[in-house]
Every structure is written in C-alpha cells, then in structure tokens.
Amino acid sequence: MITTATRRAETEPTQFMIELGTARGRQAGLLHTSAVKCENLFTVHQDLIRRTIGRLGTAAMSEIDVCVKASLGIK
C-alpha cells in the first residue's frame, strides 16, 4: 500500500519513504511525498487496476524487497 501518512516511515523497517524532493521521488512520478507500507501485503488482480500513479526504479524496488522481508521476518 502507498500512503501519504509518512510519519512512521522513517523509523519502521517495514516502510519505505519516497520523498518528492529527491531524484528518486521525482522519478517515481507521485504527486506527494509518500510511504510504501509493507506490513499488510495483499494481491490485486491486474484487471482491477484502473490507473498507475507512479513507478519505482530497480534500486528502489530492491529496498522495497528489504522492507517486505522485514515484514515477513525473513533475513
């Protein structure tokens, strides 16, 4: 889940911050500084996605992998 509630993203290993003021944030194409919350994982069928609000690059997705592993308790 992506949210604009970013307060916990700086301290929680299960959350990843995307700040608009950074190169990564500008590349993502989001409208607001946001956090990817990896604590509540779920799948969504591709047909239910109506629009894409942004994209993360390979380096950011590697960091998301670390957050998902932290959420699942995998080292």
N, C-alpha and C. Protein backbone atom coordinates (compact mmCIF):
# COMPACT_ATOMS: atom_id res chain seq x y z
N MET A 1 0.84 -1.17 0.00
CA MET A 1 0.00 0.00 0.00
C MET A 1 0.90 1.24 0.00
N ILE A 2 0.50 2.24 -0.75
CA ILE A 2 1.20 3.52 -0.76
C ILE A 2 0.30 4.55 -0.10
N THR A 3 0.87 5.34 0.80
CA THR A 3 0.10 6.32 1.56
C THR A 3 0.89 7.61 1.73
N THR A 4 0.18 8.69 1.97
CA THR A 4 0.84 9.96 2.28
C THR A 4 1.10 10.09 3.78
N ALA A 5 0.65 9.13 4.57
CA ALA A 5 0.93 9.10 6.01
C ALA A 5 2.35 8.56 6.19
N THR A 6 3.32 9.46 6.29
CA THR A 6 4.73 9.08 6.26
C THR A 6 5.42 9.13 7.61
N ARG A 7 4.72 9.48 8.66
CA ARG A 7 5.34 9.69 9.97
C ARG A 7 6.16 8.49 10.43
N ARG A 8 5.65 7.29 10.26
CA ARG A 8 6.34 6.08 10.74
C ARG A 8 7.38 5.56 9.76
N ALA A 9 7.38 6.05 8.53
CA ALA A 9 8.27 5.50 7.50
C ALA A 9 9.75 5.71 7.82
N GLU A 10 10.06 6.72 8.59
CA GLU A 10 11.47 6.98 8.91
C GLU A 10 12.01 6.06 9.98
N THR A 11 11.13 5.41 10.75
CA THR A 11 11.59 4.56 11.86
C THR A 11 11.22 3.09 11.70
N GLU A 12 10.26 2.77 10.86
CA GLU A 12 9.80 1.39 10.70
C GLU A 12 10.56 0.70 9.56
N PRO A 13 11.16 -0.46 9.83
CA PRO A 13 11.87 -1.18 8.77
C PRO A 13 10.94 -1.78 7.72
N THR A 14 9.65 -1.76 8.00
CA THR A 14 8.67 -2.32 7.06
C THR A 14 8.06 -1.26 6.16
N GLN A 15 8.57 -0.02 6.25
CA GLN A 15 8.04 1.06 5.42
C GLN A 15 9.19 1.73 4.65
N PHE A 16 8.86 2.19 3.46
CA PHE A 16 9.85 2.81 2.58
C PHE A 16 9.35 4.20 2.18
N MET A 17 10.16 5.21 2.46
CA MET A 17 9.80 6.60 2.18
C MET A 17 10.18 6.99 0.76
N ILE A 18 9.28 7.69 0.08
CA ILE A 18 9.55 8.25 -1.24
C ILE A 18 9.32 9.76 -1.12
N GLU A 19 10.40 10.51 -1.05
CA GLU A 19 10.31 11.96 -0.88
C GLU A 19 10.38 12.65 -2.23
N LEU A 20 9.41 13.53 -2.51
CA LEU A 20 9.35 14.21 -3.80
C LEU A 20 10.57 15.09 -4.08
N GLY A 21 11.21 15.58 -3.04
CA GLY A 21 12.35 16.46 -3.22
C GLY A 21 13.64 15.76 -3.64
N THR A 22 13.60 14.44 -3.76
CA THR A 22 14.79 13.68 -4.16
C THR A 22 14.65 13.23 -5.61
N ALA A 23 15.79 12.84 -6.19
CA ALA A 23 15.76 12.34 -7.57
C ALA A 23 14.86 11.11 -7.68
N ARG A 24 14.93 10.22 -6.69
CA ARG A 24 14.09 9.03 -6.69
C ARG A 24 12.61 9.42 -6.63
N GLY A 25 12.29 10.42 -5.82
CA GLY A 25 10.90 10.86 -5.71
C GLY A 25 10.38 11.46 -7.00
N ARG A 26 11.20 12.26 -7.65
CA ARG A 26 10.79 12.85 -8.93
C ARG A 26 10.63 11.78 -9.99
N GLN A 27 11.52 10.79 -10.00
CA GLN A 27 11.45 9.70 -10.97
C GLN A 27 10.18 8.87 -10.77
N ALA A 28 9.75 8.71 -9.53
CA ALA A 28 8.58 7.88 -9.24
C ALA A 28 7.30 8.44 -9.88
N GLY A 29 7.22 9.76 -9.99
CA GLY A 29 6.06 10.36 -10.62
C GLY A 29 4.86 10.52 -9.70
N LEU A 30 5.06 10.35 -8.40
CA LEU A 30 3.96 10.52 -7.45
C LEU A 30 3.65 12.00 -7.26
N LEU A 31 2.46 12.29 -6.77
CA LEU A 31 2.04 13.67 -6.56
C LEU A 31 2.45 14.21 -5.20
N HIS A 32 2.70 13.31 -4.23
CA HIS A 32 3.00 13.72 -2.86
C HIS A 32 4.12 12.83 -2.30
N THR A 33 4.85 13.35 -1.32
CA THR A 33 5.77 12.50 -0.57
C THR A 33 4.93 11.39 0.03
N SER A 34 5.41 10.17 -0.12
CA SER A 34 4.60 9.00 0.25
C SER A 34 5.44 7.93 0.92
N ALA A 35 4.78 6.97 1.51
CA ALA A 35 5.44 5.81 2.10
C ALA A 35 4.81 4.54 1.53
N VAL A 36 5.66 3.58 1.25
CA VAL A 36 5.19 2.25 0.86
C VAL A 36 5.15 1.45 2.14
N LYS A 37 3.97 0.98 2.51
CA LYS A 37 3.79 0.22 3.73
C LYS A 37 3.74 -1.27 3.37
N CYS A 38 4.73 -2.00 3.85
CA CYS A 38 4.85 -3.42 3.50
C CYS A 38 4.33 -4.35 4.60
N GLU A 39 3.67 -3.81 5.62
CA GLU A 39 3.16 -4.64 6.71
C GLU A 39 1.92 -5.44 6.32
N ASN A 40 1.08 -4.86 5.49
CA ASN A 40 -0.16 -5.51 5.07
C ASN A 40 -0.06 -5.85 3.59
N LEU A 41 0.38 -7.05 3.32
CA LEU A 41 0.56 -7.46 1.93
C LEU A 41 -0.71 -8.09 1.39
N PHE A 42 -1.03 -7.77 0.16
CA PHE A 42 -2.19 -8.38 -0.49
C PHE A 42 -1.98 -8.32 -2.00
N THR A 43 -2.73 -9.13 -2.71
CA THR A 43 -2.63 -9.12 -4.17
C THR A 43 -3.88 -8.50 -4.75
N VAL A 44 -3.72 -7.90 -5.92
CA VAL A 44 -4.83 -7.28 -6.63
C VAL A 44 -4.76 -7.78 -8.06
N HIS A 45 -5.87 -8.28 -8.57
CA HIS A 45 -5.89 -8.75 -9.95
C HIS A 45 -5.62 -7.58 -10.89
N GLN A 46 -4.81 -7.82 -11.90
CA GLN A 46 -4.40 -6.78 -12.84
C GLN A 46 -5.58 -6.04 -13.45
N ASP A 47 -6.69 -6.72 -13.70
CA ASP A 47 -7.88 -6.08 -14.29
C ASP A 47 -8.51 -5.02 -13.38
N LEU A 48 -8.23 -5.08 -12.08
CA LEU A 48 -8.82 -4.13 -11.14
C LEU A 48 -8.03 -2.82 -11.03
N ILE A 49 -6.84 -2.79 -11.60
CA ILE A 49 -6.02 -1.57 -11.56
C ILE A 49 -6.50 -0.64 -12.66
N ARG A 50 -7.01 0.51 -12.25
CA ARG A 50 -7.59 1.45 -13.20
C ARG A 50 -6.59 2.46 -13.73
N ARG A 51 -5.61 2.85 -12.89
CA ARG A 51 -4.58 3.78 -13.36
C ARG A 51 -3.33 3.59 -12.51
N THR A 52 -2.22 3.93 -13.09
CA THR A 52 -0.93 3.87 -12.40
C THR A 52 -0.59 5.28 -11.94
N ILE A 53 -0.23 5.42 -10.66
CA ILE A 53 0.07 6.75 -10.14
C ILE A 53 1.56 7.03 -10.11
N GLY A 54 2.39 6.03 -10.33
CA GLY A 54 3.83 6.23 -10.33
C GLY A 54 4.54 4.90 -10.54
N ARG A 55 5.85 4.98 -10.67
CA ARG A 55 6.69 3.80 -10.86
C ARG A 55 7.98 3.99 -10.08
N LEU A 56 8.45 2.89 -9.49
CA LEU A 56 9.72 2.92 -8.79
C LEU A 56 10.77 2.21 -9.62
N GLY A 57 11.99 2.73 -9.57
CA GLY A 57 13.09 2.12 -10.31
C GLY A 57 13.61 0.87 -9.63
N THR A 58 14.57 0.24 -10.27
CA THR A 58 15.13 -1.02 -9.78
C THR A 58 15.75 -0.88 -8.39
N ALA A 59 16.51 0.19 -8.16
CA ALA A 59 17.15 0.38 -6.85
C ALA A 59 16.11 0.53 -5.75
N ALA A 60 15.07 1.30 -6.00
CA ALA A 60 14.01 1.49 -5.01
C ALA A 60 13.29 0.16 -4.75
N MET A 61 13.06 -0.61 -5.79
CA MET A 61 12.37 -1.90 -5.61
C MET A 61 13.23 -2.87 -4.80
N SER A 62 14.54 -2.77 -4.91
CA SER A 62 15.43 -3.59 -4.08
C SER A 62 15.26 -3.23 -2.61
N GLU A 63 15.08 -1.94 -2.33
CA GLU A 63 14.85 -1.51 -0.96
C GLU A 63 13.46 -1.92 -0.46
N ILE A 64 12.49 -1.95 -1.37
CA ILE A 64 11.16 -2.45 -1.02
C ILE A 64 11.26 -3.92 -0.64
N ASP A 65 12.08 -4.68 -1.36
CA ASP A 65 12.30 -6.09 -1.03
C ASP A 65 12.78 -6.25 0.40
N VAL A 66 13.68 -5.38 0.84
CA VAL A 66 14.18 -5.42 2.21
C VAL A 66 13.03 -5.18 3.19
N CYS A 67 12.16 -4.22 2.89
CA CYS A 67 11.01 -3.92 3.76
C CYS A 67 10.04 -5.10 3.82
N VAL A 68 9.81 -5.75 2.70
CA VAL A 68 8.91 -6.91 2.67
C VAL A 68 9.51 -8.03 3.50
N LYS A 69 10.80 -8.27 3.37
CA LYS A 69 11.46 -9.31 4.17
C LYS A 69 11.35 -9.00 5.65
N ALA A 70 11.51 -7.73 6.02
CA ALA A 70 11.37 -7.34 7.43
C ALA A 70 9.94 -7.61 7.91
N SER A 71 8.96 -7.35 7.06
CA SER A 71 7.57 -7.58 7.41
C SER A 71 7.28 -9.06 7.63
N LEU A 72 7.92 -9.90 6.83
CA LEU A 72 7.70 -11.35 6.91
C LEU A 72 8.64 -12.05 7.89
N GLY A 73 9.60 -11.30 8.44
CA GLY A 73 10.55 -11.89 9.38
C GLY A 73 11.61 -12.73 8.68
N ILE A 74 11.91 -12.41 7.43
CA ILE A 74 12.92 -13.13 6.65
C ILE A 74 14.21 -12.32 6.67
N LYS A 75 15.33 -13.00 6.89
CA LYS A 75 16.62 -12.29 6.89
C LYS A 75 17.30 -12.38 5.58
